[in-house]
PDB file of N, CA and C in Angstrom:
ATOM      1  N   VAL A   1      94.583  99.538  52.711  1.00  0.00           N
ATOM      2  CA  VAL A   1      94.115 100.798  53.266  1.00  0.00           C
ATOM      3  C   VAL A   1      93.327 100.554  54.561  1.00  0.00           C
ATOM      4  N   ALA A   2      92.514  99.508  54.571  1.00  0.00           N
ATOM      5  CA  ALA A   2      91.654  99.250  55.724  1.00  0.00           C
ATOM      6  C   ALA A   2      92.439  98.806  56.954  1.00  0.00           C
ATOM      7  N   ILE A   3      93.504  98.052  56.784  1.00  0.00           N
ATOM      8  CA  ILE A   3      94.258  97.540  57.931  1.00  0.00           C
ATOM      9  C   ILE A   3      94.898  98.665  58.743  1.00  0.00           C
ATOM     10  N   PRO A   4      95.592  99.618  58.112  1.00  0.00           N
ATOM     11  CA  PRO A   4      96.137 100.722  58.909  1.00  0.00           C
ATOM     12  C   PRO A   4      95.050 101.536  59.622  1.00  0.00           C
ATOM     13  N   MET A   5      93.894 101.699  58.975  1.00  0.00           N
ATOM     14  CA  MET A   5      92.793 102.440  59.602  1.00  0.00           C
ATOM     15  C   MET A   5      92.278 101.697  60.830  1.00  0.00           C
ATOM     16  N   MET A   6      92.170 100.382  60.735  1.00  0.00           N
ATOM     17  CA  MET A   6      91.700  99.588  61.868  1.00  0.00           C
ATOM     18  C   MET A   6      92.696  99.633  63.019  1.00  0.00           C
ATOM     19  N   MET A   7      93.979  99.611  62.704  1.00  0.00           N
ATOM     20  CA  MET A   7      95.004  99.683  63.743  1.00  0.00           C
ATOM     21  C   MET A   7      94.938 101.026  64.481  1.00  0.00           C
ATOM     22  N   ARG A   8      94.725 102.114  63.739  1.00  0.00           N
ATOM     23  CA  ARG A   8      94.604 103.434  64.365  1.00  0.00           C
ATOM     24  C   ARG A   8      93.365 103.484  65.266  1.00  0.00           C
ATOM     25  N   ASN A   9      92.260 102.880  64.824  1.00  0.00           N
ATOM     26  CA  ASN A   9      91.038 102.864  65.634  1.00  0.00           C
ATOM     27  C   ASN A   9      91.261 102.090  66.934  1.00  0.00           C
ATOM     28  N   ARG A  10      91.966 100.983  66.855  1.00  0.00           N
ATOM     29  CA  ARG A  10      92.254 100.188  68.047  1.00  0.00           C
ATOM     30  C   ARG A  10      93.148 100.977  69.009  1.00  0.00           C
ATOM     31  N   GLN A  11      94.140 101.665  68.447  1.00  0.00           N
ATOM     32  CA  GLN A  11      95.039 102.470  69.277  1.00  0.00           C
ATOM     33  C   GLN A  11      94.256 103.597  69.955  1.00  0.00           C
ATOM     34  N   ARG A  12      93.321 104.221  69.232  1.00  0.00           N
ATOM     35  CA  ARG A  12      92.484 105.262  69.829  1.00  0.00           C
ATOM     36  C   ARG A  12      91.659 104.713  70.988  1.00  0.00           C
ATOM     37  N   ALA A  13      91.147 103.491  70.840  1.00  0.00           N
ATOM     38  CA  ALA A  13      90.362 102.867  71.913  1.00  0.00           C
ATOM     39  C   ALA A  13      91.219 102.666  73.155  1.00  0.00           C
ATOM     40  N   MET A  14      92.453 102.241  72.977  1.00  0.00           N
ATOM     41  CA  MET A  14      93.348 102.045  74.111  1.00  0.00           C
ATOM     42  C   MET A  14      93.625 103.370  74.816  1.00  0.00           C
ATOM     43  N   ILE A  15      93.890 104.395  74.045  1.00  0.00           N
ATOM     44  CA  ILE A  15      94.201 105.709  74.601  1.00  0.00           C
ATOM     45  C   ILE A  15      92.979 106.290  75.309  1.00  0.00           C
ATOM     46  N   THR A  16      91.813 106.121  74.706  1.00  0.00           N
ATOM     47  CA  THR A  16      90.582 106.635  75.295  1.00  0.00           C
ATOM     48  C   THR A  16      90.309 106.000  76.649  1.00  0.00           C
ATOM     49  N   GLU A  17      90.571 104.696  76.775  1.00  0.00           N
ATOM     50  CA  GLU A  17      90.366 104.023  78.057  1.00  0.00           C
ATOM     51  C   GLU A  17      91.253 104.639  79.134  1.00  0.00           C
ATOM     52  N   ALA A  18      92.517 104.853  78.816  1.00  0.00           N
ATOM     53  CA  ALA A  18      93.445 105.443  79.789  1.00  0.00           C
ATOM     54  C   ALA A  18      93.053 106.875  80.131  1.00  0.00           C
ATOM     55  N   GLU A  19      92.674 107.654  79.140  1.00  0.00           N
ATOM     56  CA  GLU A  19      92.292 109.041  79.394  1.00  0.00           C
ATOM     57  C   GLU A  19      91.017 109.122  80.226  1.00  0.00           C
ATOM     58  N   ALA A  20      90.092 108.192  80.038  1.00  0.00           N
ATOM     59  CA  ALA A  20      88.875 108.163  80.855  1.00  0.00           C
ATOM     60  C   ALA A  20      89.223 107.848  82.313  1.00  0.00           C
ATOM     61  N   GLY A  21      90.123 106.906  82.524  1.00  0.00           N
ATOM     62  CA  GLY A  21      90.562 106.582  83.883  1.00  0.00           C
ATOM     63  C   GLY A  21      91.243 107.761  84.550  1.00  0.00           C
ATOM     64  N   LEU A  22      92.104 108.433  83.820  1.00  0.00           N
ATOM     65  CA  LEU A  22      92.776 109.616  84.358  1.00  0.00           C
ATOM     66  C   LEU A  22      91.763 110.716  84.666  1.00  0.00           C
ATOM     67  N   GLY A  23      90.746 110.830  83.812  1.00  0.00           N
ATOM     68  CA  GLY A  23      89.690 111.823  84.045  1.00  0.00           C
ATOM     69  C   GLY A  23      88.903 111.534  85.316  1.00  0.00           C
ATOM     70  N   THR A  24      88.682 110.266  85.610  1.00  0.00           N
ATOM     71  CA  THR A  24      88.001 109.878  86.848  1.00  0.00           C
ATOM     72  C   THR A  24      88.833 110.302  88.057  1.00  0.00           C
ATOM     73  N   MET A  25      90.134 110.052  87.981  1.00  0.00           N
ATOM     74  CA  MET A  25      91.019 110.459  89.071  1.00  0.00           C
ATOM     75  C   MET A  25      91.021 111.980  89.221  1.00  0.00           C
ATOM     76  N   ARG A  26      91.065 112.676  88.098  1.00  0.00           N
ATOM     77  CA  ARG A  26      91.088 114.138  88.103  1.00  0.00           C
ATOM     78  C   ARG A  26      89.827 114.705  88.748  1.00  0.00           C
ATOM     79  N   THR A  27      88.673 114.139  88.413  1.00  0.00           N
ATOM     80  CA  THR A  27      87.414 114.594  88.997  1.00  0.00           C
ATOM     81  C   THR A  27      87.415 114.416  90.512  1.00  0.00           C
ATOM     82  N   ALA A  28      87.911 113.282  90.976  1.00  0.00           N
ATOM     83  CA  ALA A  28      87.977 113.030  92.420  1.00  0.00           C
ATOM     84  C   ALA A  28      88.923 114.014  93.108  1.00  0.00           C
ATOM     85  N   LEU A  29      90.060 114.307  92.474  1.00  0.00           N
ATOM     86  CA  LEU A  29      91.002 115.264  93.063  1.00  0.00           C
ATOM     87  C   LEU A  29      90.406 116.673  93.096  1.00  0.00           C
ATOM     88  N   ARG A  30      89.652 117.036  92.074  1.00  0.00           N
ATOM     89  CA  ARG A  30      89.020 118.354  92.059  1.00  0.00           C
ATOM     90  C   ARG A  30      87.979 118.478  93.168  1.00  0.00           C
ATOM     91  N   ALA A  31      87.207 117.410  93.390  1.00  0.00           N
ATOM     92  CA  ALA A  31      86.217 117.421  94.471  1.00  0.00           C
ATOM     93  C   ALA A  31      86.920 117.557  95.818  1.00  0.00           C
ATOM     94  N   MET A  32      88.021 116.853  95.967  1.00  0.00           N
ATOM     95  CA  MET A  32      88.800 116.924  97.198  1.00  0.00           C
ATOM     96  C   MET A  32      89.353 118.345  97.389  1.00  0.00           C
ATOM     97  N   PHE A  33      89.858 118.941  96.315  1.00  0.00           N
ATOM     98  CA  PHE A  33      90.404 120.299  96.367  1.00  0.00           C
ATOM     99  C   PHE A  33      89.323 121.307  96.767  1.00  0.00           C
ATOM    100  N   ALA A  34      88.106 121.108  96.275  1.00  0.00           N
ATOM    101  CA  ALA A  34      87.011 122.021  96.601  1.00  0.00           C
ATOM    102  C   ALA A  34      86.725 122.031  98.101  1.00  0.00           C
ATOM    103  N   GLU A  35      86.950 120.920  98.757  1.00  0.00           N
ATOM    104  CA  GLU A  35      86.692 120.839 100.199  1.00  0.00           C
ATOM    105  C   GLU A  35      87.895 121.217 101.052  1.00  0.00           C
ATOM    106  N   THR A  36      89.098 120.874 100.582  1.00  0.00           N
ATOM    107  CA  THR A  36      90.284 121.075 101.428  1.00  0.00           C
ATOM    108  C   THR A  36      91.195 122.205 100.960  1.00  0.00           C
ATOM    109  N   ARG A  37      90.961 122.704  99.747  1.00  0.00           N
ATOM    110  CA  ARG A  37      91.809 123.732  99.121  1.00  0.00           C
ATOM    111  C   ARG A  37      93.229 123.226  98.888  1.00  0.00           C
ATOM    112  N   ALA A  38      93.377 121.903  98.785  1.00  0.00           N
ATOM    113  CA  ALA A  38      94.679 121.292  98.484  1.00  0.00           C
ATOM    114  C   ALA A  38      94.437 119.963  97.782  1.00  0.00           C
ATOM    115  N   TYR A  39      95.261 119.676  96.787  1.00  0.00           N
ATOM    116  CA  TYR A  39      95.161 118.387  96.097  1.00  0.00           C
ATOM    117  C   TYR A  39      95.777 117.251  96.905  1.00  0.00           C
ATOM    118  N   ASN A  40      96.684 117.584  97.788  1.00  0.00           N
ATOM    119  CA  ASN A  40      97.430 116.543  98.487  1.00  0.00           C
ATOM    120  C   ASN A  40      96.939 116.243  99.904  1.00  0.00           C
ATOM    121  N   VAL A  41      95.764 116.748 100.268  1.00  0.00           N
ATOM    122  CA  VAL A  41      95.187 116.470 101.575  1.00  0.00           C
ATOM    123  C   VAL A  41      93.734 116.041 101.389  1.00  0.00           C
ATOM    124  N   THR A  42      93.391 114.864 101.895  1.00  0.00           N
ATOM    125  CA  THR A  42      92.031 114.350 101.747  1.00  0.00           C
ATOM    126  C   THR A  42      91.084 115.034 102.732  1.00  0.00           C
ATOM    127  N   GLN A  43      89.794 114.814 102.549  1.00  0.00           N
ATOM    128  CA  GLN A  43      88.797 115.375 103.447  1.00  0.00           C
ATOM    129  C   GLN A  43      88.998 114.864 104.874  1.00  0.00           C
ATOM    130  N   ALA A  44      89.564 113.679 105.024  1.00  0.00           N
ATOM    131  CA  ALA A  44      89.823 113.107 106.347  1.00  0.00           C
ATOM    132  C   ALA A  44      91.116 113.650 106.956  1.00  0.00           C
ATOM    133  N   GLY A  45      91.856 114.463 106.198  1.00  0.00           N
ATOM    134  CA  GLY A  45      93.092 115.059 106.705  1.00  0.00           C
ATOM    135  C   GLY A  45      94.345 114.245 106.425  1.00  0.00           C
ATOM    136  N   THR A  46      94.217 113.119 105.742  1.00  0.00           N
ATOM    137  CA  THR A  46      95.404 112.327 105.406  1.00  0.00           C
ATOM    138  C   THR A  46      96.055 112.875 104.146  1.00  0.00           C
ATOM    139  N   ALA A  47      97.327 112.641 104.034  1.00  0.00           N
ATOM    140  CA  ALA A  47      98.091 113.163 102.895  1.00  0.00           C
ATOM    141  C   ALA A  47      98.114 112.173 101.743  1.00  0.00           C
ATOM    142  N   LEU A  48      98.053 112.707 100.529  1.00  0.00           N
ATOM    143  CA  LEU A  48      98.309 111.930  99.318  1.00  0.00           C
ATOM    144  C   LEU A  48      99.705 112.312  98.858  1.00  0.00           C
ATOM    145  N   SER A  49     100.464 111.340  98.402  1.00  0.00           N
ATOM    146  CA  SER A  49     101.822 111.625  97.953  1.00  0.00           C
ATOM    147  C   SER A  49     102.063 110.978  96.604  1.00  0.00           C
ATOM    148  N   ALA A  50     103.153 111.373  95.972  1.00  0.00           N
ATOM    149  CA  ALA A  50     103.543 110.753  94.710  1.00  0.00           C
ATOM    150  C   ALA A  50     103.695 109.259  94.951  1.00  0.00           C
ATOM    151  N   GLY A  51     103.222 108.493  94.023  1.00  0.00           N
ATOM    152  CA  GLY A  51     103.267 107.044  94.151  1.00  0.00           C
ATOM    153  C   GLY A  51     101.958 106.462  94.636  1.00  0.00           C
ATOM    154  N   SER A  52     101.059 107.321  95.127  1.00  0.00           N
ATOM    155  CA  SER A  52      99.757 106.831  95.569  1.00  0.00           C
ATOM    156  C   SER A  52      99.013 106.221  94.391  1.00  0.00           C
ATOM    157  N   ALA A  53      98.323 105.141  94.657  1.00  0.00           N
ATOM    158  CA  ALA A  53      97.558 104.456  93.619  1.00  0.00           C
ATOM    159  C   ALA A  53      96.163 105.055  93.516  1.00  0.00           C
ATOM    160  N   ALA A  54      95.504 104.734  92.415  1.00  0.00           N
ATOM    161  CA  ALA A  54      94.170 105.257  92.165  1.00  0.00           C
ATOM    162  C   ALA A  54      93.212 104.939  93.297  1.00  0.00           C
ATOM    163  N   GLY A  55      93.258 103.749  93.862  1.00  0.00           N
ATOM    164  CA  GLY A  55      92.360 103.342  94.926  1.00  0.00           C
ATOM    165  C   GLY A  55      92.553 104.100  96.230  1.00  0.00           C
ATOM    166  N   GLU A  56      93.631 104.865  96.339  1.00  0.00           N
ATOM    167  CA  GLU A  56      93.896 105.652  97.544  1.00  0.00           C
ATOM    168  C   GLU A  56      93.272 107.043  97.475  1.00  0.00           C
ATOM    169  N   ILE A  57      92.797 107.426  96.308  1.00  0.00           N
ATOM    170  CA  ILE A  57      92.165 108.728  96.136  1.00  0.00           C
ATOM    171  C   ILE A  57      90.705 108.609  96.583  1.00  0.00           C
ATOM    172  N   PRO A  58      90.254 109.450  97.515  1.00  0.00           N
ATOM    173  CA  PRO A  58      88.851 109.386  97.934  1.00  0.00           C
ATOM    174  C   PRO A  58      87.922 109.538  96.733  1.00  0.00           C
ATOM    175  N   GLY A  59      86.958 108.657  96.619  1.00  0.00           N
ATOM    176  CA  GLY A  59      86.015 108.698  95.500  1.00  0.00           C
ATOM    177  C   GLY A  59      86.386 107.781  94.358  1.00  0.00           C
ATOM    178  N   VAL A  60      87.571 107.186  94.402  1.00  0.00           N
ATOM    179  CA  VAL A  60      87.994 106.227  93.376  1.00  0.00           C
ATOM    180  C   VAL A  60      88.287 104.911  94.088  1.00  0.00           C
ATOM    181  N   ALA A  61      87.306 104.034  94.084  1.00  0.00           N
ATOM    182  CA  ALA A  61      87.445 102.760  94.795  1.00  0.00           C
ATOM    183  C   ALA A  61      88.270 101.766  93.978  1.00  0.00           C
ATOM    184  N   ALA A  62      88.857 100.821  94.682  1.00  0.00           N
ATOM    185  CA  ALA A  62      89.605  99.755  94.010  1.00  0.00           C
ATOM    186  C   ALA A  62      88.676  99.065  93.012  1.00  0.00           C
ATOM    187  N   GLY A  63      89.169  98.873  91.811  1.00  0.00           N
ATOM    188  CA  GLY A  63      88.394  98.229  90.755  1.00  0.00           C
ATOM    189  C   GLY A  63      87.664  99.195  89.841  1.00  0.00           C
ATOM    190  N   ASN A  64      87.515 100.459  90.256  1.00  0.00           N
ATOM    191  CA  ASN A  64      86.805 101.438  89.431  1.00  0.00           C
ATOM    192  C   ASN A  64      87.458 101.683  88.078  1.00  0.00           C
ATOM    193  N   LEU A  65      88.768 101.544  88.007  1.00  0.00           N
ATOM    194  CA  LEU A  65      89.476 101.881  86.777  1.00  0.00           C
ATOM    195  C   LEU A  65      89.868 100.656  85.947  1.00  0.00           C
ATOM    196  N   ASN A  66      89.444  99.487  86.375  1.00  0.00           N
ATOM    197  CA  ASN A  66      89.796  98.275  85.632  1.00  0.00           C
ATOM    198  C   ASN A  66      89.116  98.265  84.274  1.00  0.00           C
ATOM    199  N   GLY A  67      89.931  98.058  83.250  1.00  0.00           N
ATOM    200  CA  GLY A  67      89.419  97.999  81.893  1.00  0.00           C
ATOM    201  C   GLY A  67      90.091  96.888  81.120  1.00  0.00           C
ATOM    202  N   ARG A  68      89.930  96.920  79.829  1.00  0.00           N
ATOM    203  CA  ARG A  68      90.492  95.892  78.960  1.00  0.00           C
ATOM    204  C   ARG A  68      92.004  96.028  78.814  1.00  0.00           C
ATOM    205  N   TYR A  69      92.500  97.255  78.756  1.00  0.00           N
ATOM    206  CA  TYR A  69      93.918  97.508  78.525  1.00  0.00           C
ATOM    207  C   TYR A  69      94.654  97.993  79.784  1.00  0.00           C
ATOM    208  N   PHE A  70      93.997  98.814  80.562  1.00  0.00           N
ATOM    209  CA  PHE A  70      94.592  99.393  81.769  1.00  0.00           C
ATOM    210  C   PHE A  70      93.753  98.979  82.974  1.00  0.00           C
ATOM    211  N   ASP A  71      94.412  98.625  84.065  1.00  0.00           N
ATOM    212  CA  ASP A  71      93.702  98.315  85.301  1.00  0.00           C
ATOM    213  C   ASP A  71      94.178  99.253  86.403  1.00  0.00           C
ATOM    214  N   ASP A  72      93.647  99.082  87.604  1.00  0.00           N
ATOM    215  CA  ASP A  72      94.010  99.964  88.721  1.00  0.00           C
ATOM    216  C   ASP A  72      95.517 100.112  88.895  1.00  0.00           C
ATOM    217  N   ALA A  73      96.249  99.027  88.709  1.00  0.00           N
ATOM    218  CA  ALA A  73      97.702  99.053  88.924  1.00  0.00           C
ATOM    219  C   ALA A  73      98.425  99.972  87.942  1.00  0.00           C
ATOM    220  N   ALA A  74      97.800 100.277  86.818  1.00  0.00           N
ATOM    221  CA  ALA A  74      98.435 101.119  85.797  1.00  0.00           C
ATOM    222  C   ALA A  74      98.353 102.607  86.131  1.00  0.00           C
ATOM    223  N   TYR A  75      97.451 102.982  87.033  1.00  0.00           N
ATOM    224  CA  TYR A  75      97.212 104.392  87.337  1.00  0.00           C
ATOM    225  C   TYR A  75      97.902 104.789  88.640  1.00  0.00           C
ATOM    226  N   SER A  76      98.541 105.958  88.619  1.00  0.00           N
ATOM    227  CA  SER A  76      99.183 106.444  89.839  1.00  0.00           C
ATOM    228  C   SER A  76      99.324 107.959  89.803  1.00  0.00           C
ATOM    229  N   ILE A  77      99.621 108.500  90.972  1.00  0.00           N
ATOM    230  CA  ILE A  77      99.965 109.916  91.094  1.00  0.00           C
ATOM    231  C   ILE A  77     101.477 109.983  90.989  1.00  0.00           C
ATOM    232  N   THR A  78     101.995 110.676  89.978  1.00  0.00           N
ATOM    233  CA  THR A  78     103.447 110.754  89.824  1.00  0.00           C
ATOM    234  C   THR A  78     104.039 111.981  90.492  1.00  0.00           C
ATOM    235  N   ALA A  79     103.221 113.004  90.698  1.00  0.00           N
ATOM    236  CA  ALA A  79     103.662 114.203  91.418  1.00  0.00           C
ATOM    237  C   ALA A  79     102.422 114.880  91.977  1.00  0.00           C
ATOM    238  N   ILE A  80     102.544 115.413  93.201  1.00  0.00           N
ATOM    239  CA  ILE A  80     101.393 116.104  93.805  1.00  0.00           C
ATOM    240  C   ILE A  80     101.886 117.102  94.843  1.00  0.00           C
ATOM    241  N   SER A  81     101.203 118.247  94.873  1.00  0.00           N
ATOM    242  CA  SER A  81     101.430 119.265  95.898  1.00  0.00           C
ATOM    243  C   SER A  81     100.071 119.857  96.222  1.00  0.00           C
ATOM    244  N   ALA A  82     100.045 120.899  97.015  1.00  0.00           N
ATOM    245  CA  ALA A  82      98.776 121.528  97.360  1.00  0.00           C
ATOM    246  C   ALA A  82      98.073 122.109  96.139  1.00  0.00           C
ATOM    247  N   SER A  83      98.846 122.560  95.144  1.00  0.00           N
ATOM    248  CA  SER A  83      98.238 123.245  94.007  1.00  0.00           C
ATOM    249  C   SER A  83      98.457 122.577  92.652  1.00  0.00           C
ATOM    250  N   THR A  84      99.209 121.500  92.599  1.00  0.00           N
ATOM    251  CA  THR A  84      99.476 120.833  91.321  1.00  0.00           C
ATOM    252  C   THR A  84      99.479 119.319  91.486  1.00  0.00           C
ATOM    253  N   TYR A  85      99.292 118.627  90.375  1.00  0.00           N
ATOM    254  CA  TYR A  85      99.433 117.172  90.356  1.00  0.00           C
ATOM    255  C   TYR A  85      99.717 116.704  88.939  1.00  0.00           C
ATOM    256  N   THR A  86     100.286 115.525  88.837  1.00  0.00           N
ATOM    257  CA  THR A  86     100.457 114.822  87.574  1.00  0.00           C
ATOM    258  C   THR A  86     100.033 113.383  87.802  1.00  0.00           C
ATOM    259  N   LEU A  87      99.117 112.925  86.976  1.00  0.00           N
ATOM    260  CA  LEU A  87      98.607 111.561  87.043  1.00  0.00           C
ATOM    261  C   LEU A  87      99.139 110.788  85.850  1.00  0.00           C
ATOM    262  N   THR A  88      99.383 109.499  86.015  1.00  0.00           N
ATOM    263  CA  THR A  88      99.935 108.684  84.937  1.00  0.00           C
ATOM    264  C   THR A  88      99.171 107.375  84.793  1.00  0.00           C
ATOM    265  N   ALA A  89      98.955 107.003  83.542  1.00  0.00           N
ATOM    266  CA  ALA A  89      98.477 105.660  83.195  1.00  0.00           C
ATOM    267  C   ALA A  89      99.633 105.012  82.442  1.00  0.00           C
ATOM    268  N   ASP A  90     100.231 103.981  83.023  1.00  0.00           N
ATOM    269  CA  ASP A  90     101.409 103.338  82.446  1.00  0.00           C
ATOM    270  C   ASP A  90     101.081 101.909  82.054  1.00  0.00           C
ATOM    271  N   GLY A  91     101.105 101.650  80.763  1.00  0.00           N
ATOM    272  CA  GLY A  91     100.784 100.326  80.257  1.00  0.00           C
ATOM    273  C   GLY A  91     101.707  99.241  80.770  1.00  0.00           C
ATOM    274  N   ASP A  92     102.944  99.582  81.099  1.00  0.00           N
ATOM    275  CA  ASP A  92     103.894  98.595  81.618  1.00  0.00           C
ATOM    276  C   ASP A  92     103.485  98.070  82.998  1.00  0.00           C
ATOM    277  N   ASP A  93     102.699  98.842  83.735  1.00  0.00           N
ATOM    278  CA  ASP A  93     102.264  98.435  85.068  1.00  0.00           C
ATOM    279  C   ASP A  93     100.909  97.734  85.073  1.00  0.00           C
ATOM    280  N   SER A  94     100.264  97.692  83.918  1.00  0.00           N
ATOM    281  CA  SER A  94      98.923  97.128  83.836  1.00  0.00           C
ATOM    282  C   SER A  94      98.926  95.607  83.913  1.00  0.00           C
ATOM    283  N   GLY A  95      97.913  95.077  84.568  1.00  0.00           N
ATOM    284  CA  GLY A  95      97.712  93.634  84.627  1.00  0.00           C
ATOM    285  C   GLY A  95      96.400  93.247  83.977  1.00  0.00           C
ATOM    286  N   ALA A  96      95.833  94.151  83.172  1.00  0.00           N
ATOM    287  CA  ALA A  96      94.550  93.899  82.518  1.00  0.00           C
ATOM    288  C   ALA A  96      94.688  92.796  81.468  1.00  0.00           C
ATOM    289  N   SER A  97      93.552  92.293  81.020  1.00  0.00           N
ATOM    290  CA  SER A  97      93.552  91.155  80.099  1.00  0.00           C
ATOM    291  C   SER A  97      94.297  91.432  78.797  1.00  0.00           C
ATOM    292  N   GLU A  98      94.275  92.647  78.308  1.00  0.00           N
ATOM    293  CA  GLU A  98      94.947  93.004  77.056  1.00  0.00           C
ATOM    294  C   GLU A  98      96.140  93.932  77.311  1.00  0.00           C
ATOM    295  N   ALA A  99      96.754  93.816  78.470  1.00  0.00           N
ATOM    296  CA  ALA A  99      97.854  94.707  78.856  1.00  0.00           C
ATOM    297  C   ALA A  99      99.036  94.638  77.900  1.00  0.00           C
ATOM    298  N   ALA A 100      99.265  93.497  77.281  1.00  0.00           N
ATOM    299  CA  ALA A 100     100.393  93.367  76.348  1.00  0.00           C
ATOM    300  C   ALA A 100     100.271  94.360  75.194  1.00  0.00           C
ATOM    301  N   GLU A 101      99.049  94.741  74.866  1.00  0.00           N
ATOM    302  CA  GLU A 101      98.813  95.692  73.771  1.00  0.00           C
ATOM    303  C   GLU A 101      99.273  97.107  74.106  1.00  0.00           C
ATOM    304  N   VAL A 102      99.350  97.421  75.403  1.00  0.00           N
ATOM    305  CA  VAL A 102      99.698  98.783  75.814  1.00  0.00           C
ATOM    306  C   VAL A 102     101.075  98.872  76.466  1.00  0.00           C
ATOM    307  N   ALA A 103     101.836  97.806  76.395  1.00  0.00           N
ATOM    308  CA  ALA A 103     103.198  97.834  76.939  1.00  0.00           C
ATOM    309  C   ALA A 103     103.980  98.952  76.257  1.00  0.00           C
ATOM    310  N   GLY A 104     104.630  99.770  77.047  1.00  0.00           N
ATOM    311  CA  GLY A 104     105.423 100.875  76.514  1.00  0.00           C
ATOM    312  C   GLY A 104     104.644 102.164  76.328  1.00  0.00           C
ATOM    313  N   ILE A 105     103.335 102.131  76.531  1.00  0.00           N
ATOM    314  CA  ILE A 105     102.515 103.336  76.388  1.00  0.00           C
ATOM    315  C   ILE A 105     102.323 103.981  77.749  1.00  0.00           C
ATOM    316  N   SER A 106     102.519 105.288  77.807  1.00  0.00           N
ATOM    317  CA  SER A 106     102.334 106.047  79.035  1.00  0.00           C
ATOM    318  C   SER A 106     101.585 107.329  78.693  1.00  0.00           C
ATOM    319  N   ILE A 107     100.595 107.649  79.506  1.00  0.00           N
ATOM    320  CA  ILE A 107      99.808 108.859  79.296  1.00  0.00           C
ATOM    321  C   ILE A 107      99.751 109.607  80.623  1.00  0.00           C
ATOM    322  N   THR A 108     100.045 110.911  80.584  1.00  0.00           N
ATOM    323  CA  THR A 108      99.991 111.723  81.794  1.00  0.00           C
ATOM    324  C   THR A 108      98.960 112.835  81.640  1.00  0.00           C
ATOM    325  N   LEU A 109      98.432 113.258  82.765  1.00  0.00           N
ATOM    326  CA  LEU A 109      97.449 114.342  82.830  1.00  0.00           C
ATOM    327  C   LEU A 109      97.794 115.193  84.040  1.00  0.00           C
ATOM    328  N   ASN A 110      97.802 116.520  83.863  1.00  0.00           N
ATOM    329  CA  ASN A 110      98.086 117.388  85.013  1.00  0.00           C
ATOM    330  C   ASN A 110      96.871 118.231  85.376  1.00  0.00           C
ATOM    331  N   GLN A 111      96.997 119.056  86.406  1.00  0.00           N
ATOM    332  CA  GLN A 111      95.896 119.854  86.921  1.00  0.00           C
ATOM    333  C   GLN A 111      95.350 120.841  85.897  1.00  0.00           C
ATOM    334  N   ASP A 112      96.127 121.196  84.902  1.00  0.00           N
ATOM    335  CA  ASP A 112      95.679 122.119  83.862  1.00  0.00           C
ATOM    336  C   ASP A 112      94.960 121.416  82.720  1.00  0.00           C
ATOM    337  N   GLY A 113      94.923 120.082  82.769  1.00  0.00           N
ATOM    338  CA  GLY A 113      94.270 119.314  81.714  1.00  0.00           C
ATOM    339  C   GLY A 113      95.190 118.943  80.566  1.00  0.00           C
ATOM    340  N   ALA A 114      96.475 119.232  80.704  1.00  0.00           N
ATOM    341  CA  ALA A 114      97.439 118.903  79.650  1.00  0.00           C
ATOM    342  C   ALA A 114      97.683 117.383  79.638  1.00  0.00           C
ATOM    343  N   ILE A 115      97.538 116.790  78.481  1.00  0.00           N
ATOM    344  CA  ILE A 115      97.746 115.361  78.316  1.00  0.00           C
ATOM    345  C   ILE A 115      99.000 115.155  77.473  1.00  0.00           C
ATOM    346  N   VAL A 116      99.872 114.261  77.947  1.00  0.00           N
ATOM    347  CA  VAL A 116     101.078 113.909  77.203  1.00  0.00           C
ATOM    348  C   VAL A 116     101.033 112.403  76.984  1.00  0.00           C
ATOM    349  N   ARG A 117     101.154 112.001  75.714  1.00  0.00           N
ATOM    350  CA  ARG A 117     101.138 110.586  75.349  1.00  0.00           C
ATOM    351  C   ARG A 117     102.529 110.204  74.858  1.00  0.00           C
ATOM    352  N   SER A 118     103.024 109.071  75.335  1.00  0.00           N
ATOM    353  CA  SER A 118     104.324 108.599  74.854  1.00  0.00           C
ATOM    354  C   SER A 118     104.244 107.106  74.576  1.00  0.00           C
ATOM    355  N   GLY A 119     105.105 106.638  73.711  1.00  0.00           N
ATOM    356  CA  GLY A 119     105.168 105.231  73.365  1.00  0.00           C
ATOM    357  C   GLY A 119     104.181 104.805  72.302  1.00  0.00           C
ATOM    358  N   LEU A 120     103.541 105.772  71.660  1.00  0.00           N
ATOM    359  CA  LEU A 120     102.560 105.435  70.625  1.00  0.00           C
ATOM    360  C   LEU A 120     103.184 105.374  69.263  1.00  0.00           C
TER     361      LEU A 120
END
């Protein structure tokens, strides 16, 4: 009984790390939107596009999202426009110390706060 419970707790920890990273990106995009009225244009006037990495979002510096399971390389913008975005944490792209544990796991977050988890 205890082993399955421990496995679920470990899986929750992995998911929580990714969701926290996505939340950091979301907060930065919301701050940017408040100033520019667009998710895809930074305060400096440069464009953000699909494929942009977490470190390219103003307010999210390189290394900010590095964790045990997911690192900066795992986070990206998969779709973005002036009024919408989709962010992804992909375990297959992670180079973190425990990345093998999250291989095949992908979590997305959009501007409405909808989270989709796959590979669990």
